[in-house]
């Protein structure tokens, strides 16, 4: 895997390169400005670009638009960001923006790159009878490189899950014909536990008890529509991180560390 860092601060770019190489083992190139970045993008195919929003020869998100023209995911680094700038950045279809103010920020970049890599093998089912809503959620998921499968309602979602047991995350709306979101969660949990699949519920209803209904009946999380893009991505990633943790704990408890064979227990 190859990563491009576009950053005019030598200190920041060196720290990021060291952490990415050390933790992920990826090949990393550094461009101090937009013109250098263009040359790198012409010569190589990159898995992801980590770019400073303000460069000596580019401003106002020009570097993000350049990266997008190469169909490459872009993670934005920025020093200062007010509410208006944040809204403008999110319109640029970036993966995420990260303030470069502390070491934790760099660790988050590395973690996000690793998550993007793993997302390529994660299949997500989106169940929603609204085509517009379903396509919007699909678009947000594909920004993070997930494989997305769609279902028009709860009944179709059950059929898809039966046919594709490798689905790891179900995102379901509440108001659907035939089988609503809560009923869908109940029926999924009859066959699949929390180590098998994670579930996030969605709804634009004003029922205050709906989030509790979803979670009490087996969902991992719930989001009220309309939601902020950032919150959606954070909830999805946190849910999948928890799923990975549960699976790792299960493997450690049930398989031998060296042989991977099942233990007597």
C-alpha atoms as a PDB file:
ATOM      1  CA  UNK A   1       0.000   0.000   0.000  1.00  0.00           C
ATOM      2  CA  UNK A   2       1.165   3.510  -0.817  1.00  0.00           C
ATOM      3  CA  UNK A   3       0.223   6.724   1.029  1.00  0.00           C
ATOM      4  CA  UNK A   4       0.900  10.308  -0.024  1.00  0.00           C
ATOM      5  CA  UNK A   5       1.333  13.035   2.600  1.00  0.00           C
ATOM      6  CA  UNK A   6       0.875  16.592   1.280  1.00  0.00           C
ATOM      7  CA  UNK A   7       2.160  18.874   4.024  1.00  0.00           C
ATOM      8  CA  UNK A   8       4.421  21.948   4.034  1.00  0.00           C
ATOM      9  CA  UNK A   9       5.512  21.369   7.648  1.00  0.00           C
ATOM     10  CA  UNK A  10       8.562  19.098   7.617  1.00  0.00           C
ATOM     11  CA  UNK A  11       8.025  18.165  11.259  1.00  0.00           C
ATOM     12  CA  UNK A  12       4.407  17.096  10.763  1.00  0.00           C
ATOM     13  CA  UNK A  13       5.136  15.117   7.590  1.00  0.00           C
ATOM     14  CA  UNK A  14       8.101  13.303   9.174  1.00  0.00           C
ATOM     15  CA  UNK A  15       6.099  12.343  12.270  1.00  0.00           C
ATOM     16  CA  UNK A  16       3.222  11.039  10.165  1.00  0.00           C
ATOM     17  CA  UNK A  17       5.504   9.123   7.819  1.00  0.00           C
ATOM     18  CA  UNK A  18       7.336   7.487  10.731  1.00  0.00           C
ATOM     19  CA  UNK A  19       4.079   6.396  12.394  1.00  0.00           C
ATOM     20  CA  UNK A  20       2.500   5.074   9.191  1.00  0.00           C
ATOM     21  CA  UNK A  21       5.609   3.104   8.232  1.00  0.00           C
ATOM     22  CA  UNK A  22       6.156   1.797  11.765  1.00  0.00           C
ATOM     23  CA  UNK A  23       2.537   0.829  12.525  1.00  0.00           C
ATOM     24  CA  UNK A  24       1.223  -0.177   9.092  1.00  0.00           C
ATOM     25  CA  UNK A  25       4.294  -0.923   7.000  1.00  0.00           C
ATOM     26  CA  UNK A  26       3.025   1.158   4.064  1.00  0.00           C
ATOM     27  CA  UNK A  27       5.207   3.021   1.594  1.00  0.00           C
ATOM     28  CA  UNK A  28       4.929   6.779   2.161  1.00  0.00           C
ATOM     29  CA  UNK A  29       5.749   9.700  -0.146  1.00  0.00           C
ATOM     30  CA  UNK A  30       5.872  13.340   0.984  1.00  0.00           C
ATOM     31  CA  UNK A  31       4.905  16.375  -1.095  1.00  0.00           C
ATOM     32  CA  UNK A  32       5.486  19.854   0.408  1.00  0.00           C
ATOM     33  CA  UNK A  33       3.055  21.602  -1.957  1.00  0.00           C
ATOM     34  CA  UNK A  34       0.307  21.027  -4.503  1.00  0.00           C
ATOM     35  CA  UNK A  35       2.550  21.017  -7.563  1.00  0.00           C
ATOM     36  CA  UNK A  36       4.702  18.269  -6.039  1.00  0.00           C
ATOM     37  CA  UNK A  37       1.552  16.348  -5.102  1.00  0.00           C
ATOM     38  CA  UNK A  38       0.364  16.513  -8.704  1.00  0.00           C
ATOM     39  CA  UNK A  39       3.639  14.984  -9.900  1.00  0.00           C
ATOM     40  CA  UNK A  40       3.336  12.130  -7.376  1.00  0.00           C
ATOM     41  CA  UNK A  41      -0.304  11.482  -8.310  1.00  0.00           C
ATOM     42  CA  UNK A  42       0.646  11.298 -11.982  1.00  0.00           C
ATOM     43  CA  UNK A  43       3.375   8.736 -11.286  1.00  0.00           C
ATOM     44  CA  UNK A  44       1.744   6.501  -8.655  1.00  0.00           C
ATOM     45  CA  UNK A  45      -1.565   5.029  -7.553  1.00  0.00           C
ATOM     46  CA  UNK A  46      -2.228   5.862  -3.889  1.00  0.00           C
ATOM     47  CA  UNK A  47      -4.490   4.091  -1.426  1.00  0.00           C
ATOM     48  CA  UNK A  48      -5.113   7.337   0.457  1.00  0.00           C
ATOM     49  CA  UNK A  49      -3.806  10.919   0.531  1.00  0.00           C
ATOM     50  CA  UNK A  50      -3.313  12.837   3.788  1.00  0.00           C
ATOM     51  CA  UNK A  51      -3.336  16.523   2.884  1.00  0.00           C
ATOM     52  CA  UNK A  52      -2.966  19.856   4.648  1.00  0.00           C
ATOM     53  CA  UNK A  53      -5.876  22.095   3.666  1.00  0.00           C
ATOM     54  CA  UNK A  54      -3.682  25.190   3.263  1.00  0.00           C
ATOM     55  CA  UNK A  55      -0.518  24.859   1.197  1.00  0.00           C
ATOM     56  CA  UNK A  56       1.959  27.466  -0.114  1.00  0.00           C
ATOM     57  CA  UNK A  57       0.557  27.158  -3.643  1.00  0.00           C
ATOM     58  CA  UNK A  58      -3.051  26.165  -2.884  1.00  0.00           C
ATOM     59  CA  UNK A  59      -5.891  27.198  -0.607  1.00  0.00           C
ATOM     60  CA  UNK A  60      -9.656  26.830  -0.192  1.00  0.00           C
ATOM     61  CA  UNK A  61      -9.576  23.062  -0.627  1.00  0.00           C
ATOM     62  CA  UNK A  62      -7.827  22.994  -4.024  1.00  0.00           C
ATOM     63  CA  UNK A  63      -5.708  20.015  -2.950  1.00  0.00           C
ATOM     64  CA  UNK A  64      -8.837  18.062  -1.973  1.00  0.00           C
ATOM     65  CA  UNK A  65     -10.411  18.656  -5.379  1.00  0.00           C
ATOM     66  CA  UNK A  66      -7.170  17.555  -7.050  1.00  0.00           C
ATOM     67  CA  UNK A  67      -7.078  14.317  -5.058  1.00  0.00           C
ATOM     68  CA  UNK A  68     -10.766  13.683  -5.800  1.00  0.00           C
ATOM     69  CA  UNK A  69     -10.066  13.954  -9.529  1.00  0.00           C
ATOM     70  CA  UNK A  70      -7.843  10.864  -9.140  1.00  0.00           C
ATOM     71  CA  UNK A  71     -10.643   8.967  -7.303  1.00  0.00           C
ATOM     72  CA  UNK A  72      -8.438   8.665  -4.233  1.00  0.00           C
ATOM     73  CA  UNK A  73      -9.710   8.961  -0.637  1.00  0.00           C
ATOM     74  CA  UNK A  74      -8.474  12.105   1.118  1.00  0.00           C
ATOM     75  CA  UNK A  75      -7.932  12.767   4.827  1.00  0.00           C
ATOM     76  CA  UNK A  76      -7.613  16.478   5.590  1.00  0.00           C
ATOM     77  CA  UNK A  77      -5.241  17.991   8.136  1.00  0.00           C
ATOM     78  CA  UNK A  78      -5.961  21.478   9.374  1.00  0.00           C
ATOM     79  CA  UNK A  79      -4.675  23.840  12.072  1.00  0.00           C
ATOM     80  CA  UNK A  80      -7.693  26.091  12.502  1.00  0.00           C
ATOM     81  CA  UNK A  81     -11.275  25.305  11.700  1.00  0.00           C
ATOM     82  CA  UNK A  82     -14.408  27.295  12.530  1.00  0.00           C
ATOM     83  CA  UNK A  83     -18.004  26.128  12.010  1.00  0.00           C
ATOM     84  CA  UNK A  84     -18.312  27.671   8.533  1.00  0.00           C
ATOM     85  CA  UNK A  85     -15.021  26.149   7.334  1.00  0.00           C
ATOM     86  CA  UNK A  86     -16.066  22.767   8.725  1.00  0.00           C
ATOM     87  CA  UNK A  87     -19.280  22.823   6.685  1.00  0.00           C
ATOM     88  CA  UNK A  88     -17.361  23.746   3.542  1.00  0.00           C
ATOM     89  CA  UNK A  89     -14.807  20.981   4.069  1.00  0.00           C
ATOM     90  CA  UNK A  90     -17.511  18.337   4.485  1.00  0.00           C
ATOM     91  CA  UNK A  91     -18.978  19.354   1.110  1.00  0.00           C
ATOM     92  CA  UNK A  92     -15.727  18.229  -0.552  1.00  0.00           C
ATOM     93  CA  UNK A  93     -16.459  14.491  -0.028  1.00  0.00           C
ATOM     94  CA  UNK A  94     -13.424  13.882   2.162  1.00  0.00           C
ATOM     95  CA  UNK A  95     -12.960  10.842   4.385  1.00  0.00           C
ATOM     96  CA  UNK A  96     -12.450  12.988   7.483  1.00  0.00           C
ATOM     97  CA  UNK A  97     -10.766  16.147   8.750  1.00  0.00           C
ATOM     98  CA  UNK A  98      -8.328  16.062  11.656  1.00  0.00           C
ATOM     99  CA  UNK A  99      -6.901  19.013  13.634  1.00  0.00           C
ATOM    100  CA  UNK A 100      -3.107  18.715  13.754  1.00  0.00           C
ATOM    101  CA  UNK A 101      -2.703  20.057  17.290  1.00  0.00           C
ATOM    102  CA  UNK A 102      -1.511  17.054  19.319  1.00  0.00           C
ATOM    103  CA  UNK A 103       0.095  13.623  19.022  1.00  0.00           C
ATOM    104  CA  UNK A 104      -3.289  11.938  19.361  1.00  0.00           C
ATOM    105  CA  UNK A 105      -4.250  13.541  16.041  1.00  0.00           C
ATOM    106  CA  UNK A 106      -1.464  11.688  14.251  1.00  0.00           C
ATOM    107  CA  UNK A 107      -2.411   8.433  15.949  1.00  0.00           C
ATOM    108  CA  UNK A 108      -5.970   8.972  14.748  1.00  0.00           C
ATOM    109  CA  UNK A 109      -4.729   9.395  11.161  1.00  0.00           C
ATOM    110  CA  UNK A 110      -2.875   6.061  11.336  1.00  0.00           C
ATOM    111  CA  UNK A 111      -5.874   4.328  12.897  1.00  0.00           C
ATOM    112  CA  UNK A 112      -8.165   5.754  10.218  1.00  0.00           C
ATOM    113  CA  UNK A 113      -5.907   4.586   7.370  1.00  0.00           C
ATOM    114  CA  UNK A 114      -5.834   1.091   8.879  1.00  0.00           C
ATOM    115  CA  UNK A 115      -9.631   1.139   9.265  1.00  0.00           C
ATOM    116  CA  UNK A 116     -10.051   2.157   5.614  1.00  0.00           C
ATOM    117  CA  UNK A 117      -7.886  -0.767   4.551  1.00  0.00           C
ATOM    118  CA  UNK A 118      -9.946  -3.232   6.604  1.00  0.00           C
ATOM    119  CA  UNK A 119     -13.227  -1.686   5.421  1.00  0.00           C
ATOM    120  CA  UNK A 120     -12.560  -3.011   1.921  1.00  0.00           C
ATOM    121  CA  UNK A 121     -13.475  -6.466   3.211  1.00  0.00           C
ATOM    122  CA  UNK A 122     -16.472  -5.336   5.296  1.00  0.00           C
ATOM    123  CA  UNK A 123     -19.895  -5.859   3.753  1.00  0.00           C
ATOM    124  CA  UNK A 124     -22.717  -3.609   4.996  1.00  0.00           C
ATOM    125  CA  UNK A 125     -26.440  -4.117   4.401  1.00  0.00           C
ATOM    126  CA  UNK A 126     -28.604  -0.966   4.233  1.00  0.00           C
ATOM    127  CA  UNK A 127     -32.346  -1.616   4.681  1.00  0.00           C
ATOM    128  CA  UNK A 128     -34.641   1.322   3.902  1.00  0.00           C
ATOM    129  CA  UNK A 129     -37.788   1.632   1.792  1.00  0.00           C
ATOM    130  CA  UNK A 130     -36.827   5.192   0.800  1.00  0.00           C
ATOM    131  CA  UNK A 131     -34.581   5.059  -2.271  1.00  0.00           C
ATOM    132  CA  UNK A 132     -33.208   8.558  -1.617  1.00  0.00           C
ATOM    133  CA  UNK A 133     -32.340   7.810   2.009  1.00  0.00           C
ATOM    134  CA  UNK A 134     -30.852   4.427   1.106  1.00  0.00           C
ATOM    135  CA  UNK A 135     -28.630   5.868  -1.631  1.00  0.00           C
ATOM    136  CA  UNK A 136     -27.475   8.649   0.698  1.00  0.00           C
ATOM    137  CA  UNK A 137     -26.389   6.163   3.373  1.00  0.00           C
ATOM    138  CA  UNK A 138     -24.724   4.039   0.693  1.00  0.00           C
ATOM    139  CA  UNK A 139     -22.772   7.078  -0.528  1.00  0.00           C
ATOM    140  CA  UNK A 140     -21.530   7.830   3.001  1.00  0.00           C
ATOM    141  CA  UNK A 141     -20.436   4.218   3.485  1.00  0.00           C
ATOM    142  CA  UNK A 142     -18.628   4.058   0.146  1.00  0.00           C
ATOM    143  CA  UNK A 143     -16.598   7.123   1.130  1.00  0.00           C
ATOM    144  CA  UNK A 144     -15.082   4.802   3.729  1.00  0.00           C
ATOM    145  CA  UNK A 145     -14.580   1.991   1.184  1.00  0.00           C
ATOM    146  CA  UNK A 146     -17.239  -0.380   2.538  1.00  0.00           C
ATOM    147  CA  UNK A 147     -18.932  -2.942   0.300  1.00  0.00           C
ATOM    148  CA  UNK A 148     -22.615  -1.978   0.356  1.00  0.00           C
ATOM    149  CA  UNK A 149     -25.657  -4.177  -0.258  1.00  0.00           C
ATOM    150  CA  UNK A 150     -29.186  -2.713  -0.368  1.00  0.00           C
ATOM    151  CA  UNK A 151     -32.623  -3.949   0.697  1.00  0.00           C
ATOM    152  CA  UNK A 152     -35.984  -2.239   0.025  1.00  0.00           C
ATOM    153  CA  UNK A 153     -37.592  -3.384   3.276  1.00  0.00           C
ATOM    154  CA  UNK A 154     -37.155  -5.616   6.316  1.00  0.00           C
ATOM    155  CA  UNK A 155     -38.417  -8.745   4.582  1.00  0.00           C
ATOM    156  CA  UNK A 156     -35.908  -8.361   1.750  1.00  0.00           C
ATOM    157  CA  UNK A 157     -33.167  -7.623   4.298  1.00  0.00           C
ATOM    158  CA  UNK A 158     -33.816 -10.995   5.992  1.00  0.00           C
ATOM    159  CA  UNK A 159     -33.529 -12.741   2.625  1.00  0.00           C
ATOM    160  CA  UNK A 160     -30.274 -10.939   1.839  1.00  0.00           C
ATOM    161  CA  UNK A 161     -28.808 -11.870   5.233  1.00  0.00           C
ATOM    162  CA  UNK A 162     -29.726 -15.520   4.679  1.00  0.00           C
ATOM    163  CA  UNK A 163     -28.093 -15.505   1.239  1.00  0.00           C
ATOM    164  CA  UNK A 164     -24.990 -13.516   2.284  1.00  0.00           C
ATOM    165  CA  UNK A 165     -23.807 -14.637   5.736  1.00  0.00           C
ATOM    166  CA  UNK A 166     -20.599 -12.581   5.418  1.00  0.00           C
ATOM    167  CA  UNK A 167     -22.458  -9.291   6.060  1.00  0.00           C
ATOM    168  CA  UNK A 168     -20.933  -7.722   9.174  1.00  0.00           C
ATOM    169  CA  UNK A 169     -23.091  -4.637   9.675  1.00  0.00           C
ATOM    170  CA  UNK A 170     -26.815  -4.000   9.223  1.00  0.00           C
ATOM    171  CA  UNK A 171     -28.074  -0.407   9.058  1.00  0.00           C
ATOM    172  CA  UNK A 172     -31.866  -0.341   9.151  1.00  0.00           C
ATOM    173  CA  UNK A 173     -34.531   2.339   9.047  1.00  0.00           C
ATOM    174  CA  UNK A 174     -37.500   2.021  11.414  1.00  0.00           C
ATOM    175  CA  UNK A 175     -40.479   2.805   9.155  1.00  0.00           C
ATOM    176  CA  UNK A 176     -40.607   0.049   6.536  1.00  0.00           C
ATOM    177  CA  UNK A 177     -43.480  -2.021   5.129  1.00  0.00           C
ATOM    178  CA  UNK A 178     -43.958  -5.726   5.956  1.00  0.00           C
ATOM    179  CA  UNK A 179     -41.193  -5.824   8.602  1.00  0.00           C
ATOM    180  CA  UNK A 180     -40.230  -2.621  10.413  1.00  0.00           C
ATOM    181  CA  UNK A 181     -36.763  -1.869  11.791  1.00  0.00           C
ATOM    182  CA  UNK A 182     -37.348  -3.050  15.362  1.00  0.00           C
ATOM    183  CA  UNK A 183     -38.981  -6.277  14.198  1.00  0.00           C
ATOM    184  CA  UNK A 184     -36.080  -6.798  11.784  1.00  0.00           C
ATOM    185  CA  UNK A 185     -33.581  -6.456  14.643  1.00  0.00           C
ATOM    186  CA  UNK A 186     -35.525  -8.966  16.745  1.00  0.00           C
ATOM    187  CA  UNK A 187     -35.629 -11.526  13.941  1.00  0.00           C
ATOM    188  CA  UNK A 188     -31.947 -11.080  13.110  1.00  0.00           C
ATOM    189  CA  UNK A 189     -30.959 -11.540  16.754  1.00  0.00           C
ATOM    190  CA  UNK A 190     -32.887 -14.824  16.879  1.00  0.00           C
ATOM    191  CA  UNK A 191     -30.191 -16.284  14.624  1.00  0.00           C
ATOM    192  CA  UNK A 192     -27.159 -13.999  14.868  1.00  0.00           C
ATOM    193  CA  UNK A 193     -25.543 -12.725  18.076  1.00  0.00           C
ATOM    194  CA  UNK A 194     -23.371  -9.666  18.636  1.00  0.00           C
ATOM    195  CA  UNK A 195     -20.200 -11.496  17.586  1.00  0.00           C
ATOM    196  CA  UNK A 196     -21.800 -12.328  14.219  1.00  0.00           C
ATOM    197  CA  UNK A 197     -23.236  -9.000  13.117  1.00  0.00           C
ATOM    198  CA  UNK A 198     -23.548  -5.425  14.374  1.00  0.00           C
ATOM    199  CA  UNK A 199     -26.765  -3.428  13.910  1.00  0.00           C
ATOM    200  CA  UNK A 200     -27.444   0.328  13.799  1.00  0.00           C
ATOM    201  CA  UNK A 201     -31.014   1.646  13.733  1.00  0.00           C
ATOM    202  CA  UNK A 202     -32.140   4.846  11.989  1.00  0.00           C
ATOM    203  CA  UNK A 203     -35.352   6.854  12.154  1.00  0.00           C
ATOM    204  CA  UNK A 204     -36.776  10.317  11.571  1.00  0.00           C
ATOM    205  CA  UNK A 205     -39.643   9.675  14.019  1.00  0.00           C
ATOM    206  CA  UNK A 206     -40.011  11.920  17.055  1.00  0.00           C
ATOM    207  CA  UNK A 207     -40.710   8.980  19.374  1.00  0.00           C
ATOM    208  CA  UNK A 208     -38.251   9.472  22.253  1.00  0.00           C
ATOM    209  CA  UNK A 209     -38.424   5.797  23.204  1.00  0.00           C
ATOM    210  CA  UNK A 210     -37.398   4.543  19.769  1.00  0.00           C
ATOM    211  CA  UNK A 211     -33.668   4.506  20.445  1.00  0.00           C
ATOM    212  CA  UNK A 212     -34.266   2.433  23.588  1.00  0.00           C
ATOM    213  CA  UNK A 213     -36.527   0.033  21.643  1.00  0.00           C
ATOM    214  CA  UNK A 214     -33.821  -0.590  19.070  1.00  0.00           C
ATOM    215  CA  UNK A 215     -31.026  -1.107  21.593  1.00  0.00           C
ATOM    216  CA  UNK A 216     -33.102  -3.211  24.024  1.00  0.00           C
ATOM    217  CA  UNK A 217     -34.105  -5.498  21.178  1.00  0.00           C
ATOM    218  CA  UNK A 218     -30.544  -6.112  20.035  1.00  0.00           C
ATOM    219  CA  UNK A 219     -29.222  -3.128  18.081  1.00  0.00           C
ATOM    220  CA  UNK A 220     -25.735  -1.876  18.895  1.00  0.00           C
ATOM    221  CA  UNK A 221     -26.558   1.784  18.282  1.00  0.00           C
ATOM    222  CA  UNK A 222     -29.205   4.197  17.025  1.00  0.00           C
ATOM    223  CA  UNK A 223     -29.108   7.442  15.025  1.00  0.00           C
ATOM    224  CA  UNK A 224     -31.839  10.032  14.665  1.00  0.00           C
ATOM    225  CA  UNK A 225     -32.397  11.399  11.155  1.00  0.00           C
ATOM    226  CA  UNK A 226     -31.287  13.815   9.857  1.00  0.00           C
ATOM    227  CA  UNK A 227     -27.801  13.159  11.180  1.00  0.00           C
ATOM    228  CA  UNK A 228     -24.452  14.882  10.715  1.00  0.00           C
ATOM    229  CA  UNK A 229     -22.073  13.032   8.390  1.00  0.00           C
ATOM    230  CA  UNK A 230     -19.336  13.014  11.009  1.00  0.00           C
ATOM    231  CA  UNK A 231     -21.567  11.463  13.655  1.00  0.00           C
ATOM    232  CA  UNK A 232     -22.702   8.767  11.233  1.00  0.00           C
ATOM    233  CA  UNK A 233     -19.122   7.808  10.365  1.00  0.00           C
ATOM    234  CA  UNK A 234     -18.006   7.896  14.010  1.00  0.00           C
ATOM    235  CA  UNK A 235     -20.900   5.666  15.098  1.00  0.00           C
ATOM    236  CA  UNK A 236     -20.260   3.183  12.290  1.00  0.00           C
ATOM    237  CA  UNK A 237     -16.517   2.970  12.974  1.00  0.00           C
ATOM    238  CA  UNK A 238     -16.974   2.676  16.746  1.00  0.00           C
ATOM    239  CA  UNK A 239     -19.556  -0.079  16.241  1.00  0.00           C
ATOM    240  CA  UNK A 240     -17.217  -2.036  13.966  1.00  0.00           C
ATOM    241  CA  UNK A 241     -14.272  -1.528  16.335  1.00  0.00           C
ATOM    242  CA  UNK A 242     -16.394  -3.015  19.130  1.00  0.00           C
ATOM    243  CA  UNK A 243     -17.351  -5.938  16.857  1.00  0.00           C
ATOM    244  CA  UNK A 244     -13.683  -6.590  16.072  1.00  0.00           C
ATOM    245  CA  UNK A 245     -12.818  -6.452  19.780  1.00  0.00           C
ATOM    246  CA  UNK A 246     -15.530  -8.977  20.694  1.00  0.00           C
ATOM    247  CA  UNK A 247     -14.374 -11.341  17.959  1.00  0.00           C
ATOM    248  CA  UNK A 248     -10.744 -11.075  19.073  1.00  0.00           C
ATOM    249  CA  UNK A 249     -11.703 -11.775  22.683  1.00  0.00           C
ATOM    250  CA  UNK A 250     -13.747 -14.788  21.575  1.00  0.00           C
ATOM    251  CA  UNK A 251     -10.794 -16.158  19.582  1.00  0.00           C
ATOM    252  CA  UNK A 252      -8.393 -15.659  22.500  1.00  0.00           C
ATOM    253  CA  UNK A 253     -10.784 -17.392  24.880  1.00  0.00           C
ATOM    254  CA  UNK A 254     -11.553 -20.345  22.600  1.00  0.00           C
ATOM    255  CA  UNK A 255      -8.477 -20.987  20.445  1.00  0.00           C
ATOM    256  CA  UNK A 256      -4.898 -21.892  21.291  1.00  0.00           C
ATOM    257  CA  UNK A 257      -2.504 -18.969  20.772  1.00  0.00           C
ATOM    258  CA  UNK A 258       0.066 -20.971  18.754  1.00  0.00           C
ATOM    259  CA  UNK A 259      -1.852 -23.726  16.954  1.00  0.00           C
ATOM    260  CA  UNK A 260      -5.184 -21.846  16.571  1.00  0.00           C
ATOM    261  CA  UNK A 261      -6.907 -25.120  17.457  1.00  0.00           C
ATOM    262  CA  UNK A 262      -9.977 -24.989  19.710  1.00  0.00           C
ATOM    263  CA  UNK A 263      -9.163 -25.318  23.407  1.00  0.00           C
ATOM    264  CA  UNK A 264     -10.763 -28.022  25.587  1.00  0.00           C
ATOM    265  CA  UNK A 265     -13.138 -25.396  26.924  1.00  0.00           C
END
